[in-house]
N, C-alpha and C. Protein backbone atom coordinates (compact mmCIF):
# COMPACT_ATOMS: atom_id res chain seq x y z
N MET A 1 84.80 102.31 100.43
CA MET A 1 85.20 102.94 101.63
C MET A 1 85.36 104.50 101.61
N ARG A 2 85.85 105.02 100.33
CA ARG A 2 85.92 106.47 100.18
C ARG A 2 84.54 107.08 100.42
N LEU A 3 83.34 106.43 99.67
CA LEU A 3 82.15 106.88 99.78
C LEU A 3 81.65 107.04 101.12
N PHE A 4 81.97 106.04 102.22
CA PHE A 4 81.58 106.08 103.41
C PHE A 4 82.14 107.26 104.14
N ARG A 5 83.48 107.51 103.82
CA ARG A 5 84.10 108.63 104.41
C ARG A 5 83.45 109.92 104.02
N VAL A 6 83.08 110.08 102.66
CA VAL A 6 82.54 111.43 102.24
C VAL A 6 81.16 111.59 103.05
N ALA A 7 80.34 110.41 102.94
CA ALA A 7 79.13 110.38 103.74
C ALA A 7 79.31 110.71 105.19
N GLY A 8 80.36 110.12 105.78
CA GLY A 8 80.54 110.39 107.19
C GLY A 8 80.98 112.03 107.42
N PHE A 9 81.88 112.42 106.55
CA PHE A 9 82.28 113.88 106.49
C PHE A 9 80.99 114.74 106.41
N GLY A 10 80.07 114.38 105.46
CA GLY A 10 78.81 115.21 105.21
C GLY A 10 77.99 115.15 106.43
N GLY A 11 77.92 113.97 107.12
CA GLY A 11 77.27 113.95 108.50
C GLY A 11 77.76 114.76 109.63
N VAL A 12 79.14 114.71 109.47
CA VAL A 12 79.88 115.67 110.49
C VAL A 12 79.51 117.11 110.12
N LEU A 13 79.67 117.55 108.96
CA LEU A 13 79.17 118.98 108.60
C LEU A 13 77.81 119.15 108.92
N ALA A 14 76.80 118.23 108.65
CA ALA A 14 75.43 118.45 109.11
C ALA A 14 75.39 118.66 110.82
N LEU A 15 76.25 117.83 111.31
CA LEU A 15 76.13 117.78 112.81
C LEU A 15 76.72 119.16 113.28
N VAL A 16 77.80 119.69 112.66
CA VAL A 16 78.33 120.92 112.95
C VAL A 16 77.47 122.06 112.69
N ALA A 17 76.70 122.01 111.57
CA ALA A 17 75.77 123.20 111.23
C ALA A 17 74.57 123.09 112.14
N ALA A 18 74.05 121.95 112.55
CA ALA A 18 72.98 121.85 113.37
C ALA A 18 73.34 122.47 114.75
N THR A 19 74.58 122.01 115.23
CA THR A 19 75.03 122.46 116.53
C THR A 19 75.19 123.96 116.50
N THR A 20 75.88 124.52 115.47
CA THR A 20 76.12 125.94 115.34
C THR A 20 74.72 126.75 115.26
N TRP A 21 73.63 126.15 114.49
CA TRP A 21 72.47 126.83 114.52
C TRP A 21 71.70 126.80 115.74
N GLY A 22 71.92 125.70 116.50
CA GLY A 22 71.30 125.43 117.83
C GLY A 22 71.97 126.55 118.80
N ALA A 23 73.24 126.60 118.79
CA ALA A 23 73.88 127.63 119.82
C ALA A 23 73.61 128.95 119.35
N ALA A 24 73.38 129.31 117.98
CA ALA A 24 73.02 130.51 117.73
C ALA A 24 71.56 130.93 117.96
N ALA A 25 70.66 129.92 117.87
CA ALA A 25 69.34 130.24 118.41
C ALA A 25 69.28 130.25 119.97
N GLN A 26 70.04 129.48 120.62
CA GLN A 26 70.14 129.81 122.13
C GLN A 26 70.75 131.10 122.50
N ALA A 27 71.70 131.42 121.69
CA ALA A 27 72.37 132.67 122.16
C ALA A 27 71.47 133.87 121.82
N ALA A 28 70.74 133.72 120.75
CA ALA A 28 69.69 134.77 120.50
C ALA A 28 68.43 134.76 121.57
N SER A 29 68.16 133.67 122.29
CA SER A 29 67.18 133.70 123.15
C SER A 29 67.73 134.10 124.57
N CYS A 30 68.97 134.00 124.69
CA CYS A 30 69.78 134.37 125.99
C CYS A 30 70.08 135.98 125.84
N THR A 31 69.07 136.61 125.51
CA THR A 31 69.20 138.18 125.64
C THR A 31 67.96 138.62 126.39
N LEU A 32 68.11 139.82 126.90
CA LEU A 32 66.88 140.42 127.67
C LEU A 32 65.61 140.37 126.81
N ASP A 33 65.78 140.73 125.49
CA ASP A 33 64.62 140.67 124.41
C ASP A 33 64.07 139.22 124.43
N GLY A 34 64.98 138.28 124.25
CA GLY A 34 64.71 136.83 124.25
C GLY A 34 63.96 136.21 125.44
N LEU A 35 64.20 136.86 126.63
CA LEU A 35 63.58 136.31 127.76
C LEU A 35 62.22 137.06 128.12
N GLN A 36 61.80 137.92 127.24
CA GLN A 36 60.40 138.62 127.59
C GLN A 36 59.16 137.77 127.63
N TRP A 37 59.35 136.47 127.24
CA TRP A 37 58.26 135.65 127.28
C TRP A 37 57.69 135.30 128.74
N ILE A 38 58.47 135.60 129.64
CA ILE A 38 58.30 135.48 131.07
C ILE A 38 57.22 136.53 131.61
N LYS A 39 57.13 137.57 130.87
CA LYS A 39 56.25 138.74 131.28
C LYS A 39 54.87 138.35 131.54
N GLY A 40 54.33 138.77 132.65
CA GLY A 40 52.96 138.42 133.03
C GLY A 40 52.71 138.14 134.52
N VAL A 41 51.67 137.97 134.72
CA VAL A 41 51.19 137.55 136.30
C VAL A 41 50.84 136.12 136.07
N TRP A 42 51.55 135.39 137.12
CA TRP A 42 51.20 133.88 137.17
C TRP A 42 51.00 133.55 138.58
N GLN A 43 50.02 132.78 138.79
CA GLN A 43 49.59 132.37 140.02
C GLN A 43 49.38 130.79 140.25
N ASP A 44 49.56 130.31 141.41
CA ASP A 44 49.25 129.04 141.88
C ASP A 44 48.69 129.15 143.25
N HIS A 45 47.25 128.83 143.23
CA HIS A 45 46.43 128.87 144.37
C HIS A 45 45.92 127.44 144.60
N SER A 46 46.18 126.96 145.82
CA SER A 46 45.60 125.78 146.18
C SER A 46 44.74 125.89 147.61
N GLU A 47 44.42 124.90 148.18
CA GLU A 47 43.63 125.02 149.46
C GLU A 47 44.31 125.71 150.53
N HIS A 48 45.80 125.36 150.69
CA HIS A 48 46.60 125.85 151.85
C HIS A 48 47.66 126.66 151.29
N THR A 49 47.89 126.97 150.04
CA THR A 49 49.00 127.79 149.58
C THR A 49 48.53 128.78 148.48
N GLN A 50 49.04 130.06 148.63
CA GLN A 50 48.83 130.98 147.50
C GLN A 50 50.20 131.51 147.02
N VAL A 51 50.53 131.39 145.79
CA VAL A 51 51.73 131.98 145.28
C VAL A 51 51.51 132.75 144.08
N GLU A 52 52.14 133.91 143.97
CA GLU A 52 51.91 134.82 142.79
C GLU A 52 53.26 135.24 142.40
N GLU A 53 53.62 135.23 141.10
CA GLU A 53 54.86 135.81 140.59
C GLU A 53 54.57 136.78 139.43
N ARG A 54 55.03 137.93 139.35
CA ARG A 54 54.79 138.84 138.48
C ARG A 54 56.07 139.27 137.77
N TRP A 55 56.03 139.39 136.48
CA TRP A 55 57.14 139.89 135.68
C TRP A 55 56.69 141.02 134.76
N THR A 56 57.57 142.06 134.76
CA THR A 56 57.33 143.10 133.84
C THR A 56 58.62 143.45 133.13
N ILE A 57 58.54 144.26 132.09
CA ILE A 57 59.66 144.79 131.44
C ILE A 57 60.00 146.27 131.85
N GLY A 58 61.28 146.40 132.33
CA GLY A 58 61.57 147.58 132.92
C GLY A 58 62.63 148.36 131.69
N PRO A 59 63.30 149.45 132.36
CA PRO A 59 64.00 150.32 131.48
C PRO A 59 65.19 149.40 130.92
N ASP A 60 65.70 149.67 129.82
CA ASP A 60 66.65 148.86 129.03
C ASP A 60 66.40 147.42 128.84
N HIS A 61 65.14 147.01 128.88
CA HIS A 61 64.55 145.77 128.51
C HIS A 61 64.80 144.75 129.70
N ARG A 62 65.36 145.25 130.87
CA ARG A 62 65.52 144.35 131.97
C ARG A 62 64.24 143.85 132.42
N LEU A 63 64.31 142.82 133.13
CA LEU A 63 63.04 142.20 133.51
C LEU A 63 63.00 142.40 135.16
N LEU A 64 61.81 142.94 135.65
CA LEU A 64 61.55 143.07 137.04
C LEU A 64 60.54 142.30 137.62
N GLY A 65 60.90 141.36 138.62
CA GLY A 65 59.92 140.48 139.11
C GLY A 65 59.54 140.57 140.67
N SER A 66 58.42 140.15 141.04
CA SER A 66 58.18 140.22 142.38
C SER A 66 57.19 138.95 142.70
N SER A 67 57.29 138.56 143.80
CA SER A 67 56.33 137.51 144.15
C SER A 67 56.17 137.30 145.64
N TYR A 68 55.02 136.81 145.99
CA TYR A 68 54.79 136.36 147.36
C TYR A 68 54.17 134.97 147.51
N ALA A 69 54.52 134.45 148.63
CA ALA A 69 53.89 133.16 148.88
C ALA A 69 53.40 133.00 150.30
N LEU A 70 52.26 132.53 150.35
CA LEU A 70 51.50 132.39 151.52
C LEU A 70 51.28 130.78 151.82
N HIS A 71 51.90 130.07 152.71
CA HIS A 71 51.69 128.72 153.12
C HIS A 71 52.16 128.45 154.49
N PRO A 72 51.42 127.37 154.89
CA PRO A 72 51.61 127.01 156.31
C PRO A 72 53.05 127.15 157.04
N GLY A 73 54.09 126.88 156.11
CA GLY A 73 55.46 126.83 156.59
C GLY A 73 56.10 128.16 156.86
N ALA A 74 55.40 129.20 156.44
CA ALA A 74 55.94 130.46 156.47
C ALA A 74 54.92 131.48 157.10
N PRO A 75 54.77 131.55 158.54
CA PRO A 75 53.73 132.56 158.90
C PRO A 75 53.94 133.97 158.46
N GLY A 76 52.81 134.52 157.88
CA GLY A 76 52.96 135.84 157.44
C GLY A 76 53.46 135.82 155.83
N GLY A 77 54.02 134.69 155.60
CA GLY A 77 54.25 134.67 153.98
C GLY A 77 55.85 135.23 153.74
N VAL A 78 56.17 134.96 152.63
CA VAL A 78 57.57 135.35 152.09
C VAL A 78 57.18 136.26 150.84
N ILE A 79 58.11 137.31 150.84
CA ILE A 79 58.10 138.27 149.58
C ILE A 79 59.46 138.27 148.93
N GLU A 80 59.38 138.13 147.69
CA GLU A 80 60.62 138.10 146.85
C GLU A 80 60.61 139.50 145.85
N ALA A 81 61.68 140.07 145.69
CA ALA A 81 62.13 140.95 144.71
C ALA A 81 63.16 140.45 143.84
N MET A 82 63.02 140.59 142.55
CA MET A 82 63.96 139.99 141.50
C MET A 82 64.14 140.94 140.36
N THR A 83 65.36 140.89 139.77
CA THR A 83 65.54 141.49 138.52
C THR A 83 66.48 140.66 137.75
N ILE A 84 66.29 140.69 136.37
CA ILE A 84 67.22 140.08 135.41
C ILE A 84 67.73 141.02 134.57
N ALA A 85 69.05 141.18 134.71
CA ALA A 85 69.73 142.18 133.98
C ALA A 85 71.16 141.92 133.57
N PRO A 86 71.83 142.60 132.64
CA PRO A 86 73.35 142.45 132.49
C PRO A 86 74.00 142.65 133.76
N ASP A 87 74.99 141.64 133.91
CA ASP A 87 75.96 141.74 135.08
C ASP A 87 77.27 141.46 134.67
N GLY A 88 78.00 142.48 134.12
CA GLY A 88 79.36 142.32 133.68
C GLY A 88 79.30 141.63 132.33
N THR A 89 79.65 140.40 132.17
CA THR A 89 79.75 139.71 130.98
C THR A 89 78.65 138.64 130.82
N GLU A 90 77.82 138.66 131.71
CA GLU A 90 76.57 137.69 131.74
C GLU A 90 75.15 138.52 132.04
N ILE A 91 74.18 137.73 131.97
CA ILE A 91 72.89 138.25 132.38
C ILE A 91 72.68 137.43 133.45
N SER A 92 72.12 138.14 134.56
CA SER A 92 71.98 137.47 136.04
C SER A 92 70.69 137.94 136.65
N MET A 93 70.18 136.93 137.39
CA MET A 93 69.01 137.34 138.30
C MET A 93 69.45 137.62 139.60
N ARG A 94 69.06 138.67 140.19
CA ARG A 94 69.36 139.07 141.58
C ARG A 94 68.13 138.94 142.41
N ILE A 95 68.09 138.38 143.41
CA ILE A 95 66.93 137.99 144.25
C ILE A 95 67.08 138.57 145.78
N ARG A 96 65.96 139.06 146.37
CA ARG A 96 66.08 139.31 147.74
C ARG A 96 64.68 138.77 148.39
N HIS A 97 64.73 138.21 149.55
CA HIS A 97 63.51 137.71 150.26
C HIS A 97 63.34 138.34 151.51
N PHE A 98 62.05 138.68 151.70
CA PHE A 98 61.54 139.26 152.98
C PHE A 98 60.47 138.45 153.65
N ASP A 99 60.48 138.80 155.05
CA ASP A 99 59.12 138.20 155.65
C ASP A 99 58.02 139.11 155.07
N GLY A 100 56.77 138.72 155.60
CA GLY A 100 55.57 139.25 155.18
C GLY A 100 55.24 140.68 155.61
N THR A 101 56.17 141.08 156.58
CA THR A 101 55.93 142.47 157.09
C THR A 101 56.95 143.40 156.44
N LEU A 102 57.99 142.83 155.71
CA LEU A 102 59.19 143.47 155.30
C LEU A 102 60.14 143.88 156.27
N ASP A 103 59.92 143.51 157.51
CA ASP A 103 60.86 143.85 158.48
C ASP A 103 62.16 143.17 158.59
N HIS A 104 62.19 141.88 158.02
CA HIS A 104 63.50 141.00 158.03
C HIS A 104 63.63 140.52 156.71
N ALA A 105 64.89 140.87 156.10
CA ALA A 105 65.48 140.32 154.83
C ALA A 105 66.19 138.87 155.27
N ARG A 106 66.08 137.85 154.34
CA ARG A 106 66.85 136.74 154.58
C ARG A 106 68.31 136.98 154.23
N GLU A 107 68.44 137.67 153.11
CA GLU A 107 69.97 137.98 152.69
C GLU A 107 70.52 139.14 153.49
N GLU A 108 71.77 139.14 153.54
CA GLU A 108 72.49 140.41 154.03
C GLU A 108 72.19 141.63 153.20
N LYS A 109 72.26 142.73 153.84
CA LYS A 109 71.82 144.11 153.23
C LYS A 109 72.48 144.34 151.89
N ASP A 110 73.71 143.97 151.69
CA ASP A 110 74.25 144.16 150.41
C ASP A 110 74.83 142.91 149.62
N ALA A 111 74.02 141.78 149.87
CA ALA A 111 74.43 140.60 149.49
C ALA A 111 73.00 139.81 148.83
N PRO A 112 72.55 140.25 147.63
CA PRO A 112 71.46 139.42 147.15
C PRO A 112 71.94 138.10 146.57
N MET A 113 70.92 137.19 146.54
CA MET A 113 71.31 135.95 145.78
C MET A 113 71.55 136.32 144.33
N ILE A 114 72.38 135.65 143.78
CA ILE A 114 72.80 135.88 142.24
C ILE A 114 72.68 134.48 141.48
N PHE A 115 72.06 134.41 140.47
CA PHE A 115 71.91 133.40 139.51
C PHE A 115 72.32 133.77 138.12
N ALA A 116 73.27 133.36 137.48
CA ALA A 116 73.46 133.60 136.16
C ALA A 116 72.73 132.79 135.11
N VAL A 117 72.28 133.54 134.03
CA VAL A 117 71.57 132.76 133.05
C VAL A 117 72.59 131.96 132.33
N THR A 118 72.24 130.68 132.20
CA THR A 118 73.26 129.72 131.63
C THR A 118 72.63 129.01 130.51
N GLY A 119 71.31 129.08 130.25
CA GLY A 119 70.67 128.41 129.32
C GLY A 119 69.28 129.01 128.96
N CYS A 120 68.97 129.02 127.67
CA CYS A 120 67.69 129.57 127.30
C CYS A 120 67.18 128.94 126.08
N GLY A 121 65.97 128.95 125.97
CA GLY A 121 65.20 128.59 124.72
C GLY A 121 63.96 129.54 124.60
N PRO A 122 63.26 129.30 123.54
CA PRO A 122 62.16 130.10 123.10
C PRO A 122 61.25 130.40 124.27
N ASP A 123 61.00 129.34 125.23
CA ASP A 123 60.14 129.29 126.33
C ASP A 123 60.82 128.60 127.54
N SER A 124 62.11 128.91 127.72
CA SER A 124 62.84 128.16 128.88
C SER A 124 63.96 129.07 129.35
N LEU A 125 64.28 128.94 130.44
CA LEU A 125 65.30 129.62 131.26
C LEU A 125 65.95 128.81 132.19
N THR A 126 67.25 128.69 132.22
CA THR A 126 68.11 128.08 133.30
C THR A 126 68.99 128.98 133.82
N LEU A 127 69.11 129.03 135.30
CA LEU A 127 69.89 129.82 136.00
C LEU A 127 70.85 129.13 136.99
N ASP A 128 72.02 129.34 137.03
CA ASP A 128 72.91 128.74 137.99
C ASP A 128 73.51 129.71 138.95
N GLY A 129 73.60 129.23 140.21
CA GLY A 129 73.97 130.14 141.33
C GLY A 129 75.47 130.46 141.19
N ARG A 130 75.63 131.74 141.68
CA ARG A 130 77.01 132.44 141.79
C ARG A 130 77.28 132.69 143.27
N GLY A 131 78.46 132.76 143.55
CA GLY A 131 78.84 133.14 145.02
C GLY A 131 78.37 132.07 145.90
N THR A 132 77.59 132.58 146.96
CA THR A 132 77.05 131.55 148.04
C THR A 132 76.03 130.54 147.57
N GLN A 133 75.63 130.80 146.33
CA GLN A 133 74.61 129.92 145.81
C GLN A 133 75.10 128.86 144.56
N ILE A 134 76.51 128.90 144.76
CA ILE A 134 77.12 127.81 143.77
C ILE A 134 76.58 126.55 144.01
N GLY A 135 76.18 125.70 143.05
CA GLY A 135 75.62 124.47 143.19
C GLY A 135 74.02 124.31 143.24
N GLU A 136 73.53 125.71 143.06
CA GLU A 136 72.00 125.70 143.15
C GLU A 136 71.64 125.95 141.75
N ARG A 137 70.44 125.78 141.38
CA ARG A 137 69.84 126.02 139.98
C ARG A 137 68.48 126.31 140.09
N MET A 138 68.05 127.12 139.26
CA MET A 138 66.55 127.40 138.98
C MET A 138 66.26 127.26 137.44
N THR A 139 65.06 126.72 137.19
CA THR A 139 64.62 126.66 135.79
C THR A 139 63.12 127.18 135.63
N TYR A 140 62.94 127.92 134.64
CA TYR A 140 61.51 128.38 134.22
C TYR A 140 61.40 127.65 133.04
N ARG A 141 60.07 127.25 132.68
CA ARG A 141 59.58 126.85 131.49
C ARG A 141 58.12 127.20 131.13
N ARG A 142 57.91 127.73 130.15
CA ARG A 142 56.56 128.23 129.71
C ARG A 142 55.93 127.29 128.76
N ASP A 143 54.58 126.90 129.01
CA ASP A 143 54.00 126.09 128.00
C ASP A 143 52.67 126.79 127.99
N GLY A 144 52.40 127.72 126.92
CA GLY A 144 51.23 128.37 126.82
C GLY A 144 50.91 129.33 127.96
N ASP A 145 49.69 129.09 128.62
CA ASP A 145 49.46 129.87 129.78
C ASP A 145 49.90 129.26 131.13
N LYS A 146 50.77 128.33 131.04
CA LYS A 146 51.46 127.67 132.23
C LYS A 146 52.98 128.04 132.21
N LEU A 147 53.27 128.34 133.52
CA LEU A 147 54.74 128.58 133.87
C LEU A 147 55.13 127.55 134.79
N PHE A 148 56.20 126.90 134.54
CA PHE A 148 56.73 125.89 135.49
C PHE A 148 58.04 126.48 136.09
N PHE A 149 58.08 126.21 137.28
CA PHE A 149 59.38 126.61 138.08
C PHE A 149 59.95 125.45 138.90
N VAL A 150 61.29 125.20 138.69
CA VAL A 150 61.94 124.21 139.60
C VAL A 150 63.30 124.85 140.26
N GLY A 151 63.38 124.82 141.49
CA GLY A 151 64.43 125.27 142.02
C GLY A 151 65.15 124.25 142.79
N ASP A 152 66.50 124.00 142.64
CA ASP A 152 67.17 123.05 143.31
C ASP A 152 68.28 123.83 144.23
N PHE A 153 68.00 123.93 145.58
CA PHE A 153 68.66 124.83 146.41
C PHE A 153 69.42 123.97 147.41
N ILE A 154 70.34 124.43 148.19
CA ILE A 154 71.16 123.98 149.31
C ILE A 154 70.76 124.87 150.64
N HIS A 155 70.07 124.18 151.54
CA HIS A 155 69.71 124.80 152.76
C HIS A 155 70.38 123.97 153.91
N GLN A 156 71.20 124.69 154.65
CA GLN A 156 71.99 124.14 155.82
C GLN A 156 72.59 122.83 155.39
N GLY A 157 73.27 122.76 154.21
CA GLY A 157 74.01 121.72 153.61
C GLY A 157 73.25 120.62 152.99
N LYS A 158 71.91 120.81 153.02
CA LYS A 158 71.03 119.74 152.46
C LYS A 158 70.24 120.20 151.15
N PRO A 159 70.18 119.31 149.99
CA PRO A 159 69.52 119.68 148.95
C PRO A 159 67.78 119.71 149.24
N VAL A 160 67.46 120.92 148.70
CA VAL A 160 65.96 121.29 148.78
C VAL A 160 65.48 121.55 147.42
N ARG A 161 64.30 120.93 146.97
CA ARG A 161 63.73 121.15 145.70
C ARG A 161 62.39 121.89 145.85
N ALA A 162 62.20 123.05 145.18
CA ALA A 162 61.03 123.75 145.06
C ALA A 162 60.50 123.61 143.75
N GLU A 163 59.10 123.40 143.67
CA GLU A 163 58.45 123.22 142.38
C GLU A 163 57.22 124.08 142.44
N GLU A 164 56.82 124.71 141.33
CA GLU A 164 55.53 125.49 141.22
C GLU A 164 55.11 125.50 139.90
N ALA A 165 53.75 125.35 139.72
CA ALA A 165 53.14 125.21 138.47
C ALA A 165 52.19 126.46 138.40
N PHE A 166 52.47 127.54 137.80
CA PHE A 166 51.66 128.64 137.69
C PHE A 166 50.80 128.65 136.39
N ALA A 167 49.56 129.36 136.60
CA ALA A 167 48.65 129.60 135.55
C ALA A 167 48.71 131.15 135.32
N ARG A 168 48.71 131.57 134.16
CA ARG A 168 48.68 132.91 133.59
C ARG A 168 47.39 133.62 134.13
N VAL A 169 47.31 134.66 134.63
CA VAL A 169 46.10 135.47 134.93
C VAL A 169 46.21 136.78 134.26
N GLY A 170 44.97 137.19 133.84
CA GLY A 170 45.00 138.60 133.01
C GLY A 170 45.48 138.52 131.64
N GLU A 171 45.77 139.48 131.06
CA GLU A 171 46.42 139.70 129.70
C GLU A 171 45.70 138.61 128.76
């Protein structure tokens, strides 16, 4: 019985070590430097839809993003401006949406959508909504020259899922 306890204790130590290593690896990738894998130009063009998302590295290693989407449900398209940067004690993405003419913003003048970085891996990113976006989540996952996006949002009290599969262009 004692041998079982020692082996069990060793298993617990191995589990603690693996968990600690996993947490350390995740913490290392949840830095601005650890998120730079998203840099690039990503496109998803089909017969009726054109979507492009661009990410670049800005001052202080922050990530600056822009995107446009042209599809039948949004006459003139939708334009996004995004930044991923430190925000107090966490790293957050701030997003603004505009119509295709830039005349009309979806969000209030001083109220961007805010999503905090809550999970990272060497090629993945999870962001959870803050403020009026509580309950919403976005994930990015890169697989070589492919970038996958899933957004679970709440519009007018109803869940809405947005999915995009991008291919890297250039570089």
